[in-house]
PDB file of all heavy atoms in Angstrom:
ATOM      1  N   PHE A   1      22.120  -9.024 -21.910  1.00  0.00           N
ATOM      2  CA  PHE A   1      23.603  -9.120 -21.897  1.00  0.00           C
ATOM      3  C   PHE A   1      24.166  -7.861 -21.491  1.00  0.00           C
ATOM      4  O   PHE A   1      23.677  -6.771 -21.573  1.00  0.00           O
ATOM      5  CB  PHE A   1      24.098  -9.446 -23.372  1.00  0.00           C
ATOM      6  CG  PHE A   1      23.719  -8.527 -24.372  1.00  0.00           C
ATOM      7  CD1 PHE A   1      24.468  -7.340 -24.670  1.00  0.00           C
ATOM      8  CD2 PHE A   1      22.470  -8.545 -25.166  1.00  0.00           C
ATOM      9  CE1 PHE A   1      24.070  -6.391 -25.645  1.00  0.00           C
ATOM     10  CE2 PHE A   1      22.148  -7.562 -25.973  1.00  0.00           C
ATOM     11  CZ  PHE A   1      22.948  -6.571 -26.278  1.00  0.00           C
ATOM     12  N   GLY A   2      25.448  -7.902 -21.078  1.00  0.00           N
ATOM     13  CA  GLY A   2      26.225  -6.717 -20.674  1.00  0.00           C
ATOM     14  C   GLY A   2      26.516  -6.687 -19.140  1.00  0.00           C
ATOM     15  O   GLY A   2      26.197  -7.752 -18.361  1.00  0.00           O
ATOM     16  N   ILE A   3      27.146  -5.656 -18.675  1.00  0.00           N
ATOM     17  CA  ILE A   3      27.551  -5.558 -17.228  1.00  0.00           C
ATOM     18  C   ILE A   3      26.326  -4.908 -16.541  1.00  0.00           C
ATOM     19  O   ILE A   3      25.849  -3.895 -16.974  1.00  0.00           O
ATOM     20  CB  ILE A   3      28.758  -4.667 -17.041  1.00  0.00           C
ATOM     21  CG1 ILE A   3      29.929  -5.364 -17.944  1.00  0.00           C
ATOM     22  CG2 ILE A   3      29.204  -4.693 -15.615  1.00  0.00           C
ATOM     23  CD1 ILE A   3      30.302  -6.710 -17.633  1.00  0.00           C
ATOM     24  N   TYR A   4      25.974  -5.498 -15.441  1.00  0.00           N
ATOM     25  CA  TYR A   4      24.842  -4.970 -14.744  1.00  0.00           C
ATOM     26  C   TYR A   4      25.068  -5.151 -13.119  1.00  0.00           C
ATOM     27  O   TYR A   4      25.633  -6.110 -12.699  1.00  0.00           O
ATOM     28  CB  TYR A   4      23.517  -5.608 -15.265  1.00  0.00           C
ATOM     29  CG  TYR A   4      23.454  -7.117 -15.141  1.00  0.00           C
ATOM     30  CD1 TYR A   4      23.056  -7.703 -13.999  1.00  0.00           C
ATOM     31  CD2 TYR A   4      23.936  -7.880 -16.198  1.00  0.00           C
ATOM     32  CE1 TYR A   4      23.035  -9.258 -13.983  1.00  0.00           C
ATOM     33  CE2 TYR A   4      23.927  -9.226 -16.163  1.00  0.00           C
ATOM     34  CZ  TYR A   4      23.469  -9.842 -15.054  1.00  0.00           C
ATOM     35  OH  TYR A   4      23.384 -11.219 -15.005  1.00  0.00           O
ATOM     36  N   THR A   5      24.301  -4.370 -12.450  1.00  0.00           N
ATOM     37  CA  THR A   5      24.230  -4.478 -11.004  1.00  0.00           C
ATOM     38  C   THR A   5      22.711  -4.814 -10.682  1.00  0.00           C
ATOM     39  O   THR A   5      21.822  -4.289 -11.324  1.00  0.00           O
ATOM     40  CB  THR A   5      24.547  -3.063 -10.378  1.00  0.00           C
ATOM     41  OG1 THR A   5      25.928  -2.861 -10.598  1.00  0.00           O
ATOM     42  CG2 THR A   5      24.379  -3.152  -8.822  1.00  0.00           C
ATOM     43  N   MET A   6      22.582  -5.631  -9.706  1.00  0.00           N
ATOM     44  CA  MET A   6      21.116  -5.972  -9.361  1.00  0.00           C
ATOM     45  C   MET A   6      21.064  -5.644  -7.811  1.00  0.00           C
ATOM     46  O   MET A   6      21.900  -5.857  -7.056  1.00  0.00           O
ATOM     47  CB  MET A   6      20.848  -7.353  -9.737  1.00  0.00           C
ATOM     48  CG  MET A   6      20.826  -7.749 -11.150  1.00  0.00           C
ATOM     49  SD  MET A   6      20.232  -9.311 -11.610  1.00  0.00           S
ATOM     50  CE  MET A   6      18.528  -9.132 -11.556  1.00  0.00           C
ATOM     51  N   ASP A   7      19.792  -5.211  -7.454  1.00  0.00           N
ATOM     52  CA  ASP A   7      19.536  -4.886  -6.056  1.00  0.00           C
ATOM     53  C   ASP A   7      18.139  -5.281  -5.702  1.00  0.00           C
ATOM     54  O   ASP A   7      17.302  -5.626  -6.442  1.00  0.00           O
ATOM     55  CB  ASP A   7      19.632  -3.317  -5.978  1.00  0.00           C
ATOM     56  CG  ASP A   7      20.723  -2.732  -6.841  1.00  0.00           C
ATOM     57  OD1 ASP A   7      21.811  -2.691  -6.264  1.00  0.00           O
ATOM     58  OD2 ASP A   7      20.517  -2.205  -7.928  1.00  0.00           O
ATOM     59  N   TRP A   8      17.931  -5.290  -4.419  1.00  0.00           N
ATOM     60  CA  TRP A   8      16.624  -5.461  -3.794  1.00  0.00           C
ATOM     61  C   TRP A   8      16.287  -4.105  -3.067  1.00  0.00           C
ATOM     62  O   TRP A   8      17.158  -3.601  -2.236  1.00  0.00           O
ATOM     63  CB  TRP A   8      16.512  -6.568  -2.878  1.00  0.00           C
ATOM     64  CG  TRP A   8      16.468  -7.922  -3.486  1.00  0.00           C
ATOM     65  CD1 TRP A   8      17.530  -8.716  -3.668  1.00  0.00           C
ATOM     66  CD2 TRP A   8      15.407  -8.486  -4.122  1.00  0.00           C
ATOM     67  NE1 TRP A   8      17.080  -9.897  -4.408  1.00  0.00           N
ATOM     68  CE2 TRP A   8      15.686  -9.690  -4.625  1.00  0.00           C
ATOM     69  CE3 TRP A   8      13.963  -8.045  -4.234  1.00  0.00           C
ATOM     70  CZ2 TRP A   8      14.875 -10.603  -5.300  1.00  0.00           C
ATOM     71  CZ3 TRP A   8      13.145  -9.034  -4.791  1.00  0.00           C
ATOM     72  CH2 TRP A   8      13.482 -10.193  -5.368  1.00  0.00           C
ATOM     73  N   TYR A   9      15.083  -3.501  -3.212  1.00  0.00           N
ATOM     74  CA  TYR A   9      14.574  -2.382  -2.482  1.00  0.00           C
ATOM     75  C   TYR A   9      13.436  -2.905  -1.801  1.00  0.00           C
ATOM     76  O   TYR A   9      12.811  -3.911  -2.221  1.00  0.00           O
ATOM     77  CB  TYR A   9      14.378  -1.208  -3.423  1.00  0.00           C
ATOM     78  CG  TYR A   9      15.528  -0.434  -3.975  1.00  0.00           C
ATOM     79  CD1 TYR A   9      16.210  -1.057  -4.990  1.00  0.00           C
ATOM     80  CD2 TYR A   9      15.841   0.803  -3.525  1.00  0.00           C
ATOM     81  CE1 TYR A   9      17.336  -0.351  -5.493  1.00  0.00           C
ATOM     82  CE2 TYR A   9      16.920   1.466  -3.940  1.00  0.00           C
ATOM     83  CZ  TYR A   9      17.677   1.001  -4.977  1.00  0.00           C
ATOM     84  OH  TYR A   9      18.702   1.633  -5.444  1.00  0.00           O
ATOM     85  N   ARG A  10      12.839  -2.028  -0.923  1.00  0.00           N
ATOM     86  CA  ARG A  10      11.571  -2.438  -0.288  1.00  0.00           C
ATOM     87  C   ARG A  10      10.963  -1.004   0.046  1.00  0.00           C
ATOM     88  O   ARG A  10      11.641  -0.085   0.298  1.00  0.00           O
ATOM     89  CB  ARG A  10      11.723  -3.129   0.978  1.00  0.00           C
ATOM     90  CG  ARG A  10      12.469  -2.565   2.158  1.00  0.00           C
ATOM     91  CD  ARG A  10      12.587  -3.599   3.375  1.00  0.00           C
ATOM     92  NE  ARG A  10      13.293  -3.014   4.415  1.00  0.00           N
ATOM     93  CZ  ARG A  10      13.667  -3.718   5.577  1.00  0.00           C
ATOM     94  NH1 ARG A  10      13.467  -5.072   5.637  1.00  0.00           N
ATOM     95  NH2 ARG A  10      14.193  -3.109   6.538  1.00  0.00           N
ATOM     96  N   GLN A  11       9.639  -1.067   0.084  1.00  0.00           N
ATOM     97  CA  GLN A  11       8.885   0.066   0.480  1.00  0.00           C
ATOM     98  C   GLN A  11       7.650  -0.287   1.327  1.00  0.00           C
ATOM     99  O   GLN A  11       6.768  -1.069   0.905  1.00  0.00           O
ATOM    100  CB  GLN A  11       8.400   0.888  -0.849  1.00  0.00           C
ATOM    101  CG  GLN A  11       7.755   2.098  -0.603  1.00  0.00           C
ATOM    102  CD  GLN A  11       7.515   2.966  -1.830  1.00  0.00           C
ATOM    103  OE1 GLN A  11       7.491   2.352  -2.888  1.00  0.00           O
ATOM    104  NE2 GLN A  11       7.451   4.263  -1.673  1.00  0.00           N
ATOM    105  N   ALA A  12       7.574   0.288   2.397  1.00  0.00           N
ATOM    106  CA  ALA A  12       6.456   0.094   3.348  1.00  0.00           C
ATOM    107  C   ALA A  12       5.484   1.248   3.100  1.00  0.00           C
ATOM    108  O   ALA A  12       5.818   2.323   2.574  1.00  0.00           O
ATOM    109  CB  ALA A  12       6.842   0.002   4.798  1.00  0.00           C
ATOM    110  N   PRO A  13       4.093   1.044   3.359  1.00  0.00           N
ATOM    111  CA  PRO A  13       3.156   2.039   3.123  1.00  0.00           C
ATOM    112  C   PRO A  13       3.549   3.335   3.803  1.00  0.00           C
ATOM    113  O   PRO A  13       3.854   3.388   5.023  1.00  0.00           O
ATOM    114  CB  PRO A  13       1.841   1.520   3.820  1.00  0.00           C
ATOM    115  CG  PRO A  13       2.069  -0.123   3.622  1.00  0.00           C
ATOM    116  CD  PRO A  13       3.532  -0.178   3.876  1.00  0.00           C
ATOM    117  N   GLY A  14       3.477   4.479   3.100  1.00  0.00           N
ATOM    118  CA  GLY A  14       3.742   5.832   3.652  1.00  0.00           C
ATOM    119  C   GLY A  14       5.189   6.097   3.820  1.00  0.00           C
ATOM    120  O   GLY A  14       5.523   7.137   4.341  1.00  0.00           O
ATOM    121  N   LYS A  15       6.160   5.219   3.350  1.00  0.00           N
ATOM    122  CA  LYS A  15       7.458   5.470   3.594  1.00  0.00           C
ATOM    123  C   LYS A  15       8.247   5.336   2.216  1.00  0.00           C
ATOM    124  O   LYS A  15       7.637   4.907   1.252  1.00  0.00           O
ATOM    125  CB  LYS A  15       8.115   4.363   4.461  1.00  0.00           C
ATOM    126  CG  LYS A  15       7.516   4.296   5.893  1.00  0.00           C
ATOM    127  CD  LYS A  15       8.394   3.312   6.758  1.00  0.00           C
ATOM    128  CE  LYS A  15       7.806   3.275   8.211  1.00  0.00           C
ATOM    129  NZ  LYS A  15       8.464   2.286   9.029  1.00  0.00           N
ATOM    130  N   GLU A  16       9.394   5.963   2.225  1.00  0.00           N
ATOM    131  CA  GLU A  16      10.185   6.043   0.990  1.00  0.00           C
ATOM    132  C   GLU A  16      10.810   4.661   0.790  1.00  0.00           C
ATOM    133  O   GLU A  16      11.045   3.897   1.677  1.00  0.00           O
ATOM    134  CB  GLU A  16      11.340   7.030   1.135  1.00  0.00           C
ATOM    135  CG  GLU A  16      10.801   8.500   1.309  1.00  0.00           C
ATOM    136  CD  GLU A  16      10.248   8.965   0.143  1.00  0.00           C
ATOM    137  OE1 GLU A  16      10.732   8.660  -0.978  1.00  0.00           O
ATOM    138  OE2 GLU A  16       9.152   9.678   0.218  1.00  0.00           O
ATOM    139  N   ARG A  17      11.005   4.395  -0.611  1.00  0.00           N
ATOM    140  CA  ARG A  17      11.610   3.107  -0.964  1.00  0.00           C
ATOM    141  C   ARG A  17      13.102   3.228  -0.552  1.00  0.00           C
ATOM    142  O   ARG A  17      13.801   4.210  -0.662  1.00  0.00           O
ATOM    143  CB  ARG A  17      11.550   3.061  -2.448  1.00  0.00           C
ATOM    144  CG  ARG A  17      12.069   1.653  -2.964  1.00  0.00           C
ATOM    145  CD  ARG A  17      11.702   1.544  -4.519  1.00  0.00           C
ATOM    146  NE  ARG A  17      10.371   1.481  -4.754  1.00  0.00           N
ATOM    147  CZ  ARG A  17       9.766   1.363  -5.856  1.00  0.00           C
ATOM    148  NH1 ARG A  17      10.567   1.036  -6.978  1.00  0.00           N
ATOM    149  NH2 ARG A  17       8.425   1.376  -6.069  1.00  0.00           N
ATOM    150  N   GLU A  18      13.552   2.041   0.039  1.00  0.00           N
ATOM    151  CA  GLU A  18      14.890   1.967   0.619  1.00  0.00           C
ATOM    152  C   GLU A  18      15.688   0.792  -0.028  1.00  0.00           C
ATOM    153  O   GLU A  18      15.040  -0.205  -0.290  1.00  0.00           O
ATOM    154  CB  GLU A  18      14.924   1.929   2.150  1.00  0.00           C
ATOM    155  CG  GLU A  18      14.194   0.694   2.693  1.00  0.00           C
ATOM    156  CD  GLU A  18      14.381   0.487   4.142  1.00  0.00           C
ATOM    157  OE1 GLU A  18      15.288   1.281   4.738  1.00  0.00           O
ATOM    158  OE2 GLU A  18      13.726  -0.291   4.824  1.00  0.00           O
ATOM    159  N   LEU A  19      17.016   0.999  -0.101  1.00  0.00           N
ATOM    160  CA  LEU A  19      17.853  -0.003  -0.625  1.00  0.00           C
ATOM    161  C   LEU A  19      18.107  -1.030   0.518  1.00  0.00           C
ATOM    162  O   LEU A  19      18.403  -0.702   1.541  1.00  0.00           O
ATOM    163  CB  LEU A  19      19.176   0.537  -1.142  1.00  0.00           C
ATOM    164  CG  LEU A  19      20.204  -0.427  -1.649  1.00  0.00           C
ATOM    165  CD1 LEU A  19      19.660  -1.114  -2.843  1.00  0.00           C
ATOM    166  CD2 LEU A  19      21.413   0.307  -1.861  1.00  0.00           C
ATOM    167  N   VAL A  20      17.867  -2.330   0.212  1.00  0.00           N
ATOM    168  CA  VAL A  20      18.015  -3.348   1.084  1.00  0.00           C
ATOM    169  C   VAL A  20      19.374  -3.998   0.984  1.00  0.00           C
ATOM    170  O   VAL A  20      20.175  -4.288   1.878  1.00  0.00           O
ATOM    171  CB  VAL A  20      16.829  -4.417   1.060  1.00  0.00           C
ATOM    172  CG1 VAL A  20      17.143  -5.604   2.036  1.00  0.00           C
ATOM    173  CG2 VAL A  20      15.465  -3.755   1.322  1.00  0.00           C
ATOM    174  N   ALA A  21      19.642  -4.436  -0.354  1.00  0.00           N
ATOM    175  CA  ALA A  21      20.877  -5.094  -0.590  1.00  0.00           C
ATOM    176  C   ALA A  21      21.257  -4.908  -2.043  1.00  0.00           C
ATOM    177  O   ALA A  21      20.265  -4.747  -2.950  1.00  0.00           O
ATOM    178  CB  ALA A  21      20.802  -6.612  -0.340  1.00  0.00           C
ATOM    179  N   THR A  22      22.509  -4.935  -2.407  1.00  0.00           N
ATOM    180  CA  THR A  22      22.927  -4.778  -3.772  1.00  0.00           C
ATOM    181  C   THR A  22      24.120  -5.783  -4.104  1.00  0.00           C
ATOM    182  O   THR A  22      24.872  -6.132  -3.119  1.00  0.00           O
ATOM    183  CB  THR A  22      23.388  -3.316  -4.139  1.00  0.00           C
ATOM    184  OG1 THR A  22      23.753  -3.260  -5.365  1.00  0.00           O
ATOM    185  CG2 THR A  22      24.569  -3.073  -3.154  1.00  0.00           C
ATOM    186  N   ILE A  23      24.221  -6.190  -5.269  1.00  0.00           N
ATOM    187  CA  ILE A  23      25.188  -7.087  -5.694  1.00  0.00           C
ATOM    188  C   ILE A  23      25.783  -6.662  -7.093  1.00  0.00           C
ATOM    189  O   ILE A  23      24.998  -6.476  -8.064  1.00  0.00           O
ATOM    190  CB  ILE A  23      24.891  -8.567  -5.728  1.00  0.00           C
ATOM    191  CG1 ILE A  23      25.957  -9.462  -6.047  1.00  0.00           C
ATOM    192  CG2 ILE A  23      23.651  -8.776  -6.716  1.00  0.00           C
ATOM    193  CD1 ILE A  23      25.677 -10.971  -5.637  1.00  0.00           C
ATOM    194  N   GLY A  24      27.022  -6.437  -7.238  1.00  0.00           N
ATOM    195  CA  GLY A  24      27.608  -6.067  -8.413  1.00  0.00           C
ATOM    196  C   GLY A  24      27.918  -7.231  -9.339  1.00  0.00           C
ATOM    197  O   GLY A  24      27.901  -8.402  -9.026  1.00  0.00           O
TER     198      GLY A  24
END
């Protein structure tokens, strides 16, 4: 319960995790 934001991140081998999409 509560207010929340949800997102999708992705990470390829040897790379930093990056934000793909977000929804408030």
